[in-house]
Amino acid sequence: RYNNGLIPQGPSSDLMNDRFDISREDLDAFSERSHLRAAAATAAGRFASQMVPLTEDPDDLSSAPVTTDEGIRQHPDREKMASLRSAFSEG
């Protein structure tokens, strides 16, 4: 059913959620904690040594550098998270 017997990451996570009875609410709670912890670690400078500043415009070195992970939600909203469509499964 999958090429070379390997299951892509998305469907694999859905299978594991079903197998171990992990609910959407559990996943949203985990995600919220993860974002809060990442935001706190960023604020404390824990990732600073792992970040390579990049300029917004490589041709304009005077443009503001991007120095933090912009994917971390500083204030995650569980209600908004719950309203999002599931990334891989229909449920």
N, C-alpha and C. Protein backbone atom coordinates (compact mmCIF):
# COMPACT_ATOMS: atom_id res chain seq x y z
N ARG A 1 0.81 -1.19 0.00
CA ARG A 1 0.00 0.00 0.00
C ARG A 1 0.85 1.26 0.00
N TYR A 2 2.05 1.19 0.57
CA TYR A 2 2.97 2.33 0.55
C TYR A 2 4.24 1.91 -0.18
N ASN A 3 4.86 2.85 -0.88
CA ASN A 3 6.09 2.56 -1.62
C ASN A 3 7.16 1.98 -0.69
N ASN A 4 7.77 0.90 -1.12
CA ASN A 4 8.86 0.27 -0.38
C ASN A 4 8.48 -0.09 1.05
N GLY A 5 7.20 -0.21 1.36
CA GLY A 5 6.78 -0.57 2.70
C GLY A 5 6.91 0.54 3.72
N LEU A 6 7.37 1.72 3.28
CA LEU A 6 7.53 2.84 4.21
C LEU A 6 6.25 3.68 4.24
N ILE A 7 5.82 4.03 5.43
CA ILE A 7 4.61 4.84 5.58
C ILE A 7 5.03 6.29 5.76
N PRO A 8 4.49 7.21 4.96
CA PRO A 8 4.83 8.62 5.13
C PRO A 8 4.51 9.11 6.55
N GLN A 9 5.19 10.14 6.99
CA GLN A 9 5.09 10.61 8.36
C GLN A 9 3.67 10.98 8.78
N GLY A 10 2.93 11.68 7.94
CA GLY A 10 1.57 12.09 8.31
C GLY A 10 0.65 10.91 8.57
N PRO A 11 0.47 10.02 7.58
CA PRO A 11 -0.37 8.85 7.82
C PRO A 11 0.15 7.98 8.97
N SER A 12 1.46 7.94 9.14
CA SER A 12 2.04 7.16 10.24
C SER A 12 1.59 7.73 11.58
N SER A 13 1.59 9.06 11.70
CA SER A 13 1.16 9.66 12.97
C SER A 13 -0.32 9.37 13.23
N ASP A 14 -1.14 9.38 12.18
CA ASP A 14 -2.55 9.05 12.35
C ASP A 14 -2.72 7.61 12.83
N LEU A 15 -1.94 6.69 12.26
CA LEU A 15 -2.01 5.29 12.68
C LEU A 15 -1.61 5.13 14.14
N MET A 16 -0.56 5.84 14.56
CA MET A 16 -0.10 5.75 15.95
C MET A 16 -1.13 6.37 16.89
N ASN A 17 -1.74 7.47 16.49
CA ASN A 17 -2.78 8.08 17.32
C ASN A 17 -3.93 7.11 17.54
N ASP A 18 -4.34 6.42 16.48
CA ASP A 18 -5.41 5.43 16.59
C ASP A 18 -4.98 4.26 17.47
N ARG A 19 -3.79 3.76 17.22
CA ARG A 19 -3.31 2.58 17.95
C ARG A 19 -3.20 2.84 19.45
N PHE A 20 -2.73 4.02 19.83
CA PHE A 20 -2.51 4.32 21.24
C PHE A 20 -3.59 5.23 21.83
N ASP A 21 -4.70 5.37 21.09
CA ASP A 21 -5.87 6.12 21.55
C ASP A 21 -5.50 7.54 22.01
N ILE A 22 -4.78 8.25 21.15
CA ILE A 22 -4.40 9.64 21.43
C ILE A 22 -5.42 10.54 20.74
N SER A 23 -6.12 11.33 21.53
CA SER A 23 -7.20 12.16 20.98
C SER A 23 -6.67 13.47 20.41
N ARG A 24 -7.51 14.11 19.64
CA ARG A 24 -7.17 15.43 19.09
C ARG A 24 -6.94 16.42 20.23
N GLU A 25 -7.75 16.32 21.27
CA GLU A 25 -7.59 17.20 22.43
C GLU A 25 -6.23 16.99 23.09
N ASP A 26 -5.80 15.72 23.20
CA ASP A 26 -4.48 15.41 23.76
C ASP A 26 -3.38 16.04 22.89
N LEU A 27 -3.53 15.92 21.58
CA LEU A 27 -2.53 16.47 20.66
C LEU A 27 -2.48 17.99 20.74
N ASP A 28 -3.65 18.63 20.83
CA ASP A 28 -3.68 20.09 20.95
C ASP A 28 -3.04 20.54 22.26
N ALA A 29 -3.30 19.81 23.35
CA ALA A 29 -2.69 20.16 24.64
C ALA A 29 -1.18 20.01 24.58
N PHE A 30 -0.71 18.95 23.94
CA PHE A 30 0.74 18.74 23.79
C PHE A 30 1.35 19.87 22.97
N SER A 31 0.68 20.23 21.88
CA SER A 31 1.16 21.30 21.01
C SER A 31 1.22 22.63 21.76
N GLU A 32 0.18 22.91 22.53
CA GLU A 32 0.17 24.16 23.30
C GLU A 32 1.35 24.20 24.28
N ARG A 33 1.56 23.10 25.03
CA ARG A 33 2.69 23.05 25.96
C ARG A 33 4.01 23.21 25.23
N SER A 34 4.13 22.58 24.08
CA SER A 34 5.36 22.65 23.30
C SER A 34 5.67 24.09 22.88
N HIS A 35 4.65 24.80 22.38
CA HIS A 35 4.85 26.19 21.97
C HIS A 35 5.19 27.07 23.17
N LEU A 36 4.51 26.87 24.30
CA LEU A 36 4.80 27.67 25.50
C LEU A 36 6.22 27.43 25.99
N ARG A 37 6.65 26.17 25.98
CA ARG A 37 8.01 25.85 26.42
C ARG A 37 9.04 26.43 25.45
N ALA A 38 8.76 26.33 24.16
CA ALA A 38 9.69 26.88 23.16
C ALA A 38 9.77 28.40 23.28
N ALA A 39 8.64 29.04 23.53
CA ALA A 39 8.63 30.50 23.69
C ALA A 39 9.44 30.90 24.92
N ALA A 40 9.28 30.17 26.02
CA ALA A 40 10.03 30.47 27.24
C ALA A 40 11.53 30.25 27.02
N ALA A 41 11.88 29.17 26.35
CA ALA A 41 13.29 28.88 26.08
C ALA A 41 13.89 29.94 25.16
N THR A 42 13.13 30.40 24.19
CA THR A 42 13.60 31.46 23.29
C THR A 42 13.83 32.75 24.08
N ALA A 43 12.87 33.10 24.93
CA ALA A 43 12.99 34.33 25.74
C ALA A 43 14.19 34.26 26.67
N ALA A 44 14.53 33.05 27.13
CA ALA A 44 15.67 32.87 28.03
C ALA A 44 16.99 32.75 27.28
N GLY A 45 16.93 32.81 25.94
CA GLY A 45 18.15 32.74 25.14
C GLY A 45 18.71 31.34 24.97
N ARG A 46 17.91 30.32 25.25
CA ARG A 46 18.38 28.94 25.19
C ARG A 46 18.73 28.48 23.78
N PHE A 47 18.14 29.10 22.75
CA PHE A 47 18.40 28.69 21.37
C PHE A 47 19.38 29.62 20.66
N ALA A 48 19.81 30.66 21.32
CA ALA A 48 20.63 31.70 20.67
C ALA A 48 21.86 31.12 19.98
N SER A 49 22.52 30.17 20.60
CA SER A 49 23.74 29.61 20.02
C SER A 49 23.46 28.73 18.81
N GLN A 50 22.20 28.37 18.61
CA GLN A 50 21.83 27.49 17.50
C GLN A 50 21.23 28.25 16.32
N MET A 51 21.06 29.55 16.47
CA MET A 51 20.44 30.36 15.42
C MET A 51 21.50 31.07 14.58
N VAL A 52 21.29 31.06 13.29
CA VAL A 52 22.16 31.79 12.36
C VAL A 52 21.33 32.95 11.81
N PRO A 53 21.67 34.18 12.16
CA PRO A 53 20.88 35.32 11.68
C PRO A 53 20.90 35.41 10.15
N LEU A 54 19.75 35.62 9.58
CA LEU A 54 19.60 35.79 8.13
C LEU A 54 18.97 37.15 7.88
N THR A 55 19.36 37.78 6.81
CA THR A 55 18.72 39.06 6.46
C THR A 55 17.49 38.78 5.63
N GLU A 56 16.50 39.63 5.76
CA GLU A 56 15.25 39.46 5.02
C GLU A 56 15.50 39.53 3.52
N ASP A 57 16.42 40.39 3.13
CA ASP A 57 16.76 40.57 1.71
C ASP A 57 18.25 40.33 1.55
N PRO A 58 18.65 39.18 0.98
CA PRO A 58 20.07 38.87 0.86
C PRO A 58 20.86 39.90 0.05
N ASP A 59 20.18 40.66 -0.80
CA ASP A 59 20.86 41.68 -1.59
C ASP A 59 21.00 43.01 -0.85
N ASP A 60 20.32 43.13 0.29
CA ASP A 60 20.38 44.36 1.09
C ASP A 60 20.80 43.98 2.51
N LEU A 61 22.11 44.01 2.76
CA LEU A 61 22.63 43.58 4.05
C LEU A 61 22.24 44.51 5.19
N SER A 62 21.65 45.66 4.87
CA SER A 62 21.20 46.55 5.94
C SER A 62 19.78 46.23 6.39
N SER A 63 19.12 45.27 5.71
CA SER A 63 17.76 44.91 6.12
C SER A 63 17.80 44.19 7.47
N ALA A 64 16.69 44.23 8.17
CA ALA A 64 16.63 43.66 9.52
C ALA A 64 16.91 42.16 9.50
N PRO A 65 17.80 41.70 10.37
CA PRO A 65 18.08 40.27 10.40
C PRO A 65 16.97 39.49 11.11
N VAL A 66 16.72 38.28 10.64
CA VAL A 66 15.80 37.37 11.30
C VAL A 66 16.66 36.54 12.24
N THR A 67 16.39 36.64 13.54
CA THR A 67 17.27 35.99 14.53
C THR A 67 16.55 34.97 15.40
N THR A 68 15.24 34.80 15.21
CA THR A 68 14.50 33.83 16.02
C THR A 68 13.65 32.95 15.13
N ASP A 69 13.22 31.84 15.68
CA ASP A 69 12.32 30.93 14.99
C ASP A 69 10.94 31.57 14.96
N GLU A 70 10.47 31.92 13.78
CA GLU A 70 9.18 32.61 13.67
C GLU A 70 8.00 31.64 13.71
N GLY A 71 8.26 30.34 13.79
CA GLY A 71 7.19 29.36 13.83
C GLY A 71 6.64 29.10 15.22
N ILE A 72 7.31 29.64 16.24
CA ILE A 72 6.86 29.44 17.62
C ILE A 72 5.73 30.41 17.91
N ARG A 73 4.62 29.88 18.37
CA ARG A 73 3.49 30.74 18.76
C ARG A 73 3.73 31.17 20.20
N GLN A 74 3.91 32.46 20.41
CA GLN A 74 4.18 32.98 21.75
C GLN A 74 2.98 32.80 22.68
N HIS A 75 1.79 32.90 22.12
CA HIS A 75 0.57 32.79 22.92
C HIS A 75 -0.40 31.86 22.17
N PRO A 76 -0.16 30.55 22.22
CA PRO A 76 -1.03 29.64 21.48
C PRO A 76 -2.47 29.69 22.02
N ASP A 77 -3.42 29.54 21.13
CA ASP A 77 -4.84 29.62 21.48
C ASP A 77 -5.47 28.26 21.24
N ARG A 78 -5.81 27.55 22.32
CA ARG A 78 -6.36 26.21 22.19
C ARG A 78 -7.66 26.19 21.39
N GLU A 79 -8.47 27.22 21.53
CA GLU A 79 -9.73 27.28 20.79
C GLU A 79 -9.46 27.36 19.29
N LYS A 80 -8.50 28.19 18.90
CA LYS A 80 -8.14 28.29 17.48
C LYS A 80 -7.53 26.98 16.99
N MET A 81 -6.69 26.37 17.84
CA MET A 81 -6.07 25.10 17.45
C MET A 81 -7.15 24.04 17.19
N ALA A 82 -8.15 23.99 18.06
CA ALA A 82 -9.22 23.00 17.93
C ALA A 82 -10.05 23.23 16.67
N SER A 83 -10.08 24.47 16.18
CA SER A 83 -10.88 24.78 14.99
C SER A 83 -10.16 24.43 13.69
N LEU A 84 -8.86 24.17 13.77
CA LEU A 84 -8.10 23.86 12.56
C LEU A 84 -8.44 22.47 12.04
N ARG A 85 -8.44 22.34 10.73
CA ARG A 85 -8.64 21.04 10.10
C ARG A 85 -7.48 20.13 10.43
N SER A 86 -7.74 18.86 10.57
CA SER A 86 -6.68 17.89 10.79
C SER A 86 -5.77 17.87 9.56
N ALA A 87 -4.48 17.80 9.78
CA ALA A 87 -3.52 17.88 8.67
C ALA A 87 -3.58 16.67 7.75
N PHE A 88 -3.86 15.49 8.28
CA PHE A 88 -3.78 14.30 7.45
C PHE A 88 -5.06 13.49 7.42
N SER A 89 -5.69 13.27 8.56
CA SER A 89 -6.90 12.45 8.58
C SER A 89 -8.14 13.34 8.48
N GLU A 90 -9.26 12.71 8.33
CA GLU A 90 -10.51 13.44 8.21
C GLU A 90 -11.10 13.80 9.58
N GLY A 91 -10.56 13.21 10.65
CA GLY A 91 -11.17 13.39 11.97
C GLY A 91 -10.62 14.47 12.81
